[in-house]
């Protein structure tokens, strides 16, 4: 068994690779392999095949993503753990990966280390076209997949490719896969990607993820980031969680879907955002969630002091939502409220601009445990993990 079984594991919940992704390729168990024609080939030997995946995620969170992958896949071999991407090898087929932290997942066809060429993408394309045997990673496609296009990426930027070499590569992939070329609206994509770490990859895209700018509201968190923030909070089954700035509901939605918890409280001042959050969180999930339109200053009308185990939130940065008072004062006042809400040894996971880090030290009982710099939509930000210190002995005597 390649999948590690755990009593409490957010990565073993139902789904495929993430709530904002959908499969565009068939499970690998349905692929035809050339070895089927060899004497002695069996389904059991097919299951021993290994697959190499390239997956992208929010830059800065590689340590956490590496931990999640190792926990989820018992047989995994992490070949590269990079800023914003991971390359890993496993016997597990794509349809059984069940990760919620990735933006996109690709099946790796070939990797060239240190290409040593002025144009490593075109060099890799030329080498790929020399393959004569049928490669199941190229030819194995769902019946609904009928067209493809080729994408070039150089150091995280999409780049144009030499038309002659691109045409030769398109014909090569067509021969291998029997797919037709569609450069505008394809069913799948083959990527040639070069990273500054000094390697190029030829790979097939397995997920279809539209750009965040097209599918998210202004200021809305990507669900993958919301999932990772919940993971950092490490909720337990009897915990009460809170997001007092829930916005469009990414954090409570991911927390309720994938983690054990007793109840999740979600507040926001924007009535439209609250309505959208209520529409997202339905069915049995609503049994463990309370969603209210309320200001952070009025929150004690709903929750008692010391009544929250974990606060996971993305407060206003002053970009999409005004704070009505100077941002520094707003954060200082908000942190004071968090301090009153949290139980002793409670956890705060806070996403904000890195410039706000100095303000986080102003509340004596809130101790920063870790700061994780990340890049979110091209903006420098940070995830701050903060613990509420237990009361000092003299404070207990005063009480």
Protein backbone atom coordinates (compact mmCIF):
# COMPACT_ATOMS: atom_id res chain seq x y z
CA UNK A 1 0.00 0.00 0.00
CA UNK A 2 1.52 3.30 -1.08
CA UNK A 3 -0.85 5.58 0.77
CA UNK A 4 -0.03 6.12 4.41
CA UNK A 5 -3.07 5.57 6.61
CA UNK A 6 -3.47 7.94 9.52
CA UNK A 7 -6.28 8.41 12.01
CA UNK A 8 -6.30 12.18 11.55
CA UNK A 9 -4.97 13.29 8.20
CA UNK A 10 -6.42 16.19 6.24
CA UNK A 11 -4.84 14.82 3.08
CA UNK A 12 -6.82 11.58 3.18
CA UNK A 13 -10.18 13.31 2.82
CA UNK A 14 -12.26 12.77 -0.28
CA UNK A 15 -11.66 14.58 -3.54
CA UNK A 16 -8.98 14.51 -6.15
CA UNK A 17 -6.20 17.07 -6.01
CA UNK A 18 -7.91 20.17 -4.71
CA UNK A 19 -11.33 21.78 -4.56
CA UNK A 20 -10.50 24.37 -7.22
CA UNK A 21 -9.04 21.87 -9.67
CA UNK A 22 -10.58 19.21 -11.87
CA UNK A 23 -9.12 16.23 -13.65
CA UNK A 24 -8.42 16.64 -17.33
CA UNK A 25 -6.66 13.29 -17.72
CA UNK A 26 -7.61 9.70 -17.12
CA UNK A 27 -6.41 7.73 -14.06
CA UNK A 28 -3.09 6.05 -14.81
CA UNK A 29 -4.59 2.65 -14.09
CA UNK A 30 -6.42 2.99 -17.43
CA UNK A 31 -3.30 3.77 -19.46
CA UNK A 32 -1.97 1.22 -21.93
CA UNK A 33 1.67 0.36 -21.48
CA UNK A 34 3.90 -1.17 -24.20
CA UNK A 35 4.86 -3.93 -21.78
CA UNK A 36 1.34 -5.37 -22.12
CA UNK A 37 2.55 -7.07 -25.30
CA UNK A 38 5.41 -8.77 -23.52
CA UNK A 39 5.05 -12.33 -22.18
CA UNK A 40 4.42 -12.43 -18.46
CA UNK A 41 2.99 -8.88 -18.23
CA UNK A 42 0.34 -8.59 -15.53
CA UNK A 43 -1.78 -5.90 -13.90
CA UNK A 44 0.33 -6.41 -10.79
CA UNK A 45 3.52 -5.53 -12.62
CA UNK A 46 1.81 -2.44 -14.07
CA UNK A 47 0.99 -1.25 -10.58
CA UNK A 48 4.71 -1.32 -9.82
CA UNK A 49 5.31 1.46 -12.34
CA UNK A 50 6.55 4.69 -10.86
CA UNK A 51 5.35 8.14 -11.84
CA UNK A 52 7.22 11.41 -11.51
CA UNK A 53 5.12 14.50 -10.87
CA UNK A 54 5.89 18.21 -10.95
CA UNK A 55 3.49 20.23 -8.77
CA UNK A 56 3.32 23.98 -8.19
CA UNK A 57 2.22 25.79 -5.03
CA UNK A 58 2.35 29.20 -3.32
CA UNK A 59 6.05 30.21 -3.19
CA UNK A 60 7.57 30.14 0.29
CA UNK A 61 5.71 27.11 1.63
CA UNK A 62 8.04 24.36 0.41
CA UNK A 63 8.89 23.07 3.90
CA UNK A 64 5.23 22.50 4.75
CA UNK A 65 4.42 21.03 1.33
CA UNK A 66 7.35 18.60 1.62
CA UNK A 67 6.01 17.44 4.99
CA UNK A 68 2.52 16.91 3.57
CA UNK A 69 3.82 14.89 0.60
CA UNK A 70 5.94 12.65 2.85
CA UNK A 71 3.01 12.03 5.19
CA UNK A 72 0.61 11.25 2.36
CA UNK A 73 2.78 8.95 0.23
CA UNK A 74 4.57 6.13 2.01
CA UNK A 75 6.86 5.29 -0.91
CA UNK A 76 7.56 8.83 -2.08
CA UNK A 77 10.97 10.00 -3.20
CA UNK A 78 11.23 13.78 -3.33
CA UNK A 79 13.63 14.54 -6.15
CA UNK A 80 13.48 18.34 -5.93
CA UNK A 81 11.92 20.64 -3.35
CA UNK A 82 11.97 24.16 -4.75
CA UNK A 83 10.49 27.56 -4.02
CA UNK A 84 6.98 27.15 -5.38
CA UNK A 85 7.38 23.66 -6.87
CA UNK A 86 8.13 20.04 -5.98
CA UNK A 87 9.23 17.07 -8.10
CA UNK A 88 8.39 13.71 -6.55
CA UNK A 89 8.31 10.06 -7.55
CA UNK A 90 5.75 7.50 -6.39
CA UNK A 91 3.84 4.39 -7.46
CA UNK A 92 0.61 6.24 -6.72
CA UNK A 93 -1.50 7.15 -9.76
CA UNK A 94 -2.77 10.68 -10.15
CA UNK A 95 -6.37 9.77 -9.36
CA UNK A 96 -5.29 8.68 -5.86
CA UNK A 97 -2.96 11.53 -4.90
CA UNK A 98 -5.62 13.59 -3.04
CA UNK A 99 -3.62 16.75 -2.40
CA UNK A 100 -5.28 20.08 -1.68
CA UNK A 101 -2.16 22.27 -1.50
CA UNK A 102 -1.14 22.32 -5.18
CA UNK A 103 -2.05 24.89 -7.82
CA UNK A 104 -1.33 22.48 -10.68
CA UNK A 105 0.10 18.99 -11.16
CA UNK A 106 2.04 17.73 -14.19
CA UNK A 107 3.25 14.28 -15.25
CA UNK A 108 6.97 14.48 -15.95
CA UNK A 109 8.07 12.92 -19.24
CA UNK A 110 11.77 13.86 -19.13
CA UNK A 111 14.18 16.06 -17.18
CA UNK A 112 17.49 17.43 -18.45
CA UNK A 113 19.92 18.63 -15.80
CA UNK A 114 22.27 21.49 -16.70
CA UNK A 115 21.14 21.73 -20.36
CA UNK A 116 24.20 23.77 -21.27
CA UNK A 117 22.46 25.54 -24.13
CA UNK A 118 21.66 29.15 -24.91
CA UNK A 119 18.06 28.07 -25.37
CA UNK A 120 17.40 25.08 -23.08
CA UNK A 121 13.71 24.87 -24.04
CA UNK A 122 14.34 24.46 -27.75
CA UNK A 123 17.23 22.08 -27.02
CA UNK A 124 14.91 19.92 -24.93
CA UNK A 125 12.23 19.98 -27.62
CA UNK A 126 14.72 18.74 -30.23
CA UNK A 127 15.82 15.88 -27.97
CA UNK A 128 12.21 14.94 -27.20
CA UNK A 129 11.41 14.62 -30.91
CA UNK A 130 14.09 11.92 -31.28
CA UNK A 131 12.06 9.46 -29.17
CA UNK A 132 10.94 6.61 -31.44
CA UNK A 133 9.12 4.27 -29.05
CA UNK A 134 5.60 5.04 -27.91
CA UNK A 135 5.68 6.70 -24.49
CA UNK A 136 2.51 5.98 -22.44
CA UNK A 137 2.98 9.27 -20.60
CA UNK A 138 2.35 11.03 -23.91
CA UNK A 139 -0.06 8.57 -25.54
CA UNK A 140 -2.23 7.77 -22.52
CA UNK A 141 -5.15 10.20 -22.59
CA UNK A 142 -8.80 10.20 -21.68
CA UNK A 143 -11.18 9.80 -24.64
CA UNK A 144 -12.45 13.33 -23.98
CA UNK A 145 -8.93 14.69 -24.56
CA UNK A 146 -8.70 15.35 -28.27
CA UNK A 147 -6.43 18.36 -28.65
CA UNK A 148 -3.31 19.91 -27.14
CA UNK A 149 -0.95 22.83 -27.30
CA UNK A 150 2.68 23.38 -26.31
CA UNK A 151 3.62 25.92 -23.64
CA UNK A 152 7.10 27.30 -22.98
CA UNK A 153 8.08 28.65 -19.56
CA UNK A 154 11.48 30.16 -18.76
CA UNK A 155 12.21 31.01 -15.11
CA UNK A 156 8.48 31.25 -14.25
CA UNK A 157 7.57 33.37 -17.27
CA UNK A 158 5.68 32.19 -20.35
CA UNK A 159 7.83 32.65 -23.45
CA UNK A 160 7.31 32.25 -27.23
CA UNK A 161 8.97 29.28 -28.89
CA UNK A 162 10.73 28.94 -32.24
CA UNK A 163 7.93 28.22 -34.73
CA UNK A 164 9.87 25.62 -36.72
CA UNK A 165 10.91 23.62 -33.65
CA UNK A 166 7.47 24.04 -32.13
CA UNK A 167 5.84 22.66 -35.29
CA UNK A 168 8.17 19.63 -35.31
CA UNK A 169 7.37 18.98 -31.65
CA UNK A 170 3.64 19.28 -32.30
CA UNK A 171 3.88 16.67 -35.06
CA UNK A 172 5.88 14.39 -32.76
CA UNK A 173 3.26 14.61 -30.00
CA UNK A 174 0.46 14.08 -32.54
CA UNK A 175 2.14 10.88 -33.77
CA UNK A 176 2.56 9.65 -30.20
CA UNK A 177 -0.86 10.65 -28.85
CA UNK A 178 -3.13 10.95 -31.92
CA UNK A 179 -4.25 14.30 -30.56
CA UNK A 180 -4.75 17.30 -32.81
CA UNK A 181 -3.12 20.68 -32.29
CA UNK A 182 -5.30 23.50 -30.93
CA UNK A 183 -3.29 26.53 -29.89
CA UNK A 184 -6.23 28.56 -28.56
CA UNK A 185 -8.60 26.24 -26.67
CA UNK A 186 -6.94 22.84 -26.19
CA UNK A 187 -8.09 19.98 -23.98
CA UNK A 188 -4.62 19.54 -22.50
CA UNK A 189 -1.12 21.02 -22.59
CA UNK A 190 2.44 19.80 -22.92
CA UNK A 191 4.95 22.06 -21.21
CA UNK A 192 8.65 22.68 -21.69
CA UNK A 193 9.80 24.47 -18.56
CA UNK A 194 13.21 25.75 -17.51
CA UNK A 195 13.97 26.85 -13.94
CA UNK A 196 16.81 29.01 -12.67
CA UNK A 197 18.04 26.06 -10.60
CA UNK A 198 19.49 24.74 -13.85
CA UNK A 199 17.21 22.07 -15.33
CA UNK A 200 14.47 21.75 -17.94
CA UNK A 201 11.36 19.54 -17.87
CA UNK A 202 9.11 18.13 -20.56
CA UNK A 203 5.75 17.35 -18.93
CA UNK A 204 2.01 16.94 -19.44
CA UNK A 205 -0.47 19.00 -17.48
CA UNK A 206 -2.91 16.90 -15.44
CA UNK A 207 -4.97 19.66 -13.84
CA UNK A 208 -6.74 22.62 -15.31
CA UNK A 209 -6.54 25.66 -13.07
CA UNK A 210 -7.66 29.07 -14.38
CA UNK A 211 -5.70 32.09 -13.24
CA UNK A 212 -6.69 33.34 -9.79
CA UNK A 213 -7.47 36.77 -11.22
CA UNK A 214 -10.26 35.26 -13.33
CA UNK A 215 -11.99 33.14 -10.69
CA UNK A 216 -11.43 34.92 -7.36
CA UNK A 217 -12.96 38.10 -6.03
CA UNK A 218 -10.56 40.98 -5.26
CA UNK A 219 -8.77 40.11 -2.04
CA UNK A 220 -10.10 36.53 -1.96
CA UNK A 221 -7.61 33.90 -0.79
CA UNK A 222 -6.73 31.03 -3.13
CA UNK A 223 -8.18 27.87 -1.57
CA UNK A 224 -4.77 26.17 -1.66
CA UNK A 225 -3.30 28.88 0.57
CA UNK A 226 -6.32 28.77 2.89
CA UNK A 227 -5.82 25.00 3.21
CA UNK A 228 -2.14 25.40 4.11
CA UNK A 229 -2.95 28.06 6.71
CA UNK A 230 -5.44 25.68 8.32
CA UNK A 231 -2.81 22.98 8.26
CA UNK A 232 -0.37 25.27 10.10
CA UNK A 233 -2.98 25.80 12.82
CA UNK A 234 -3.25 22.00 13.34
CA UNK A 235 -6.92 21.89 14.44
CA UNK A 236 -8.12 19.10 16.73
CA UNK A 237 -11.56 17.53 16.83
CA UNK A 238 -12.73 19.47 19.91
CA UNK A 239 -11.36 22.85 18.80
CA UNK A 240 -13.34 26.01 18.21
CA UNK A 241 -11.93 27.96 15.27
CA UNK A 242 -12.48 31.56 14.23
CA UNK A 243 -11.93 33.69 11.14
CA UNK A 244 -13.12 37.21 12.02
CA UNK A 245 -12.26 38.52 8.52
CA UNK A 246 -13.61 35.60 6.50
CA UNK A 247 -14.25 37.62 3.33
CA UNK A 248 -15.46 35.20 0.66
CA UNK A 249 -15.03 32.16 2.88
CA UNK A 250 -11.84 30.45 1.69
CA UNK A 251 -10.47 29.72 5.18
CA UNK A 252 -13.67 28.39 6.83
CA UNK A 253 -14.49 26.43 3.67
CA UNK A 254 -11.12 24.64 3.58
CA UNK A 255 -11.07 24.15 7.35
CA UNK A 256 -14.49 22.53 7.44
CA UNK A 257 -13.84 20.33 4.41
CA UNK A 258 -10.48 18.88 5.35
CA UNK A 259 -9.80 19.16 9.08
CA UNK A 260 -11.24 17.86 12.34
CA UNK A 261 -12.84 20.57 14.47
CA UNK A 262 -15.84 21.15 16.70
CA UNK A 263 -17.06 24.50 15.38
CA UNK A 264 -15.94 27.23 13.02
CA UNK A 265 -17.07 30.83 13.53
CA UNK A 266 -16.82 33.12 10.49
CA UNK A 267 -17.44 36.88 10.57
CA UNK A 268 -17.13 39.72 8.11
CA UNK A 269 -18.42 43.27 7.90
CA UNK A 270 -19.23 43.06 4.17
CA UNK A 271 -22.80 41.71 3.71
CA UNK A 272 -22.11 40.60 0.13
CA UNK A 273 -19.04 38.60 1.19
CA UNK A 274 -21.02 37.00 4.03
CA UNK A 275 -23.75 35.98 1.59
CA UNK A 276 -21.21 34.38 -0.76
CA UNK A 277 -19.63 32.51 2.17
CA UNK A 278 -23.03 31.23 3.27
CA UNK A 279 -23.67 29.93 -0.26
CA UNK A 280 -20.30 28.15 -0.29
CA UNK A 281 -20.74 26.38 3.03
CA UNK A 282 -23.87 24.25 2.85
CA UNK A 283 -25.20 20.86 3.84
CA UNK A 284 -23.61 19.03 6.73
CA UNK A 285 -20.73 21.53 6.86
CA UNK A 286 -23.13 24.20 8.11
CA UNK A 287 -23.82 22.10 11.21
CA UNK A 288 -20.31 22.97 12.42
CA UNK A 289 -20.22 26.57 11.20
CA UNK A 290 -21.71 29.92 12.25
CA UNK A 291 -21.48 32.71 9.68
CA UNK A 292 -22.39 36.23 10.78
CA UNK A 293 -22.12 39.77 9.48
CA UNK A 294 -20.33 41.59 12.30
CA UNK A 295 -17.50 44.00 13.04
CA UNK A 296 -14.46 42.68 14.88
CA UNK A 297 -15.20 45.13 17.71
CA UNK A 298 -18.63 43.54 18.26
CA UNK A 299 -17.40 39.97 18.29
CA UNK A 300 -17.85 39.51 22.05
CA UNK A 301 -21.60 39.64 21.46
CA UNK A 302 -21.14 36.20 19.93
CA UNK A 303 -18.07 34.68 21.56
CA UNK A 304 -16.83 34.79 25.18
CA UNK A 305 -13.33 35.81 26.19
CA UNK A 306 -11.03 32.80 26.13
CA UNK A 307 -13.52 30.85 24.02
CA UNK A 308 -11.41 30.16 20.89
CA UNK A 309 -8.69 27.56 20.36
CA UNK A 310 -7.41 28.69 16.95
CA UNK A 311 -7.76 31.91 14.96
CA UNK A 312 -6.91 31.62 11.25
CA UNK A 313 -7.39 34.83 9.34
CA UNK A 314 -6.35 37.24 6.61
CA UNK A 315 -7.11 40.75 7.92
CA UNK A 316 -7.37 43.77 5.61
CA UNK A 317 -4.07 44.92 4.13
CA UNK A 318 -5.49 48.31 3.21
CA UNK A 319 -5.54 47.32 -0.50
CA UNK A 320 -9.10 46.15 -1.13
CA UNK A 321 -10.82 47.17 2.10
CA UNK A 322 -10.42 50.33 4.16
CA UNK A 323 -9.79 49.94 7.88
CA UNK A 324 -11.35 53.35 8.80
CA UNK A 325 -8.43 54.02 11.16
CA UNK A 326 -4.69 53.98 10.37
CA UNK A 327 -3.55 50.48 9.56
CA UNK A 328 -1.07 50.32 12.45
CA UNK A 329 -3.74 51.28 14.99
CA UNK A 330 -6.16 48.81 13.41
CA UNK A 331 -3.72 45.91 13.76
CA UNK A 332 -2.80 46.80 17.33
CA UNK A 333 -6.48 46.96 18.33
CA UNK A 334 -7.26 43.73 16.46
CA UNK A 335 -4.40 41.85 18.11
CA UNK A 336 -5.70 42.95 21.50
CA UNK A 337 -9.08 41.43 20.64
CA UNK A 338 -7.38 38.22 19.48
CA UNK A 339 -5.53 38.06 22.79
CA UNK A 340 -8.82 38.26 24.68
CA UNK A 341 -10.50 35.66 22.48
CA UNK A 342 -7.80 32.98 22.55
CA UNK A 343 -7.56 30.34 25.22
CA UNK A 344 -4.22 30.01 27.05
CA UNK A 345 -1.76 28.33 24.62
CA UNK A 346 -4.18 29.09 21.77
CA UNK A 347 -2.85 29.60 18.22
CA UNK A 348 -3.14 32.51 15.81
CA UNK A 349 -2.24 31.96 12.14
CA UNK A 350 -2.16 35.37 10.50
CA UNK A 351 -1.58 36.28 6.86
CA UNK A 352 -0.57 39.86 6.21
CA UNK A 353 1.93 42.11 4.49
CA UNK A 354 5.48 41.68 5.76
CA UNK A 355 5.54 45.36 6.74
CA UNK A 356 3.08 44.62 9.54
CA UNK A 357 5.46 42.22 11.30
CA UNK A 358 6.72 44.87 13.76
CA UNK A 359 3.19 45.46 15.07
CA UNK A 360 2.84 41.80 16.04
CA UNK A 361 5.28 42.24 18.95
CA UNK A 362 3.20 44.87 20.74
CA UNK A 363 0.96 42.44 22.65
CA UNK A 364 3.04 40.94 25.47
CA UNK A 365 1.12 37.67 25.75
CA UNK A 366 1.20 36.89 22.01
CA UNK A 367 4.50 35.24 21.11
CA UNK A 368 5.56 34.79 17.50
CA UNK A 369 6.64 31.18 16.91
CA UNK A 370 7.37 31.30 13.21
CA UNK A 371 7.26 33.67 10.26
CA UNK A 372 6.99 32.28 6.72
CA UNK A 373 7.66 34.77 3.91
CA UNK A 374 5.51 34.02 0.86
CA UNK A 375 4.71 35.56 -2.50
CA UNK A 376 1.00 36.06 -3.15
CA UNK A 377 -0.09 37.38 -6.55
CA UNK A 378 3.29 39.03 -6.92
CA UNK A 379 3.11 40.75 -3.53
CA UNK A 380 5.44 40.03 -0.62
CA UNK A 381 3.50 38.70 2.36
CA UNK A 382 4.02 36.59 5.43
CA UNK A 383 2.23 33.89 7.41
CA UNK A 384 2.83 34.44 11.10
CA UNK A 385 2.24 31.64 13.61
CA UNK A 386 1.61 33.13 17.04
CA UNK A 387 0.95 31.41 20.37
CA UNK A 388 -0.81 32.90 23.34
CA UNK A 389 1.47 32.53 26.33
CA UNK A 390 -0.05 31.04 29.49
CA UNK A 391 -0.62 33.58 32.28
CA UNK A 392 2.31 34.41 34.54
CA UNK A 393 2.08 33.14 38.15
CA UNK A 394 1.67 36.70 39.47
CA UNK A 395 -1.28 37.23 37.12
CA UNK A 396 -2.98 34.15 38.57
CA UNK A 397 -2.45 35.49 42.10
CA UNK A 398 -4.06 38.81 41.18
CA UNK A 399 -7.09 37.01 39.86
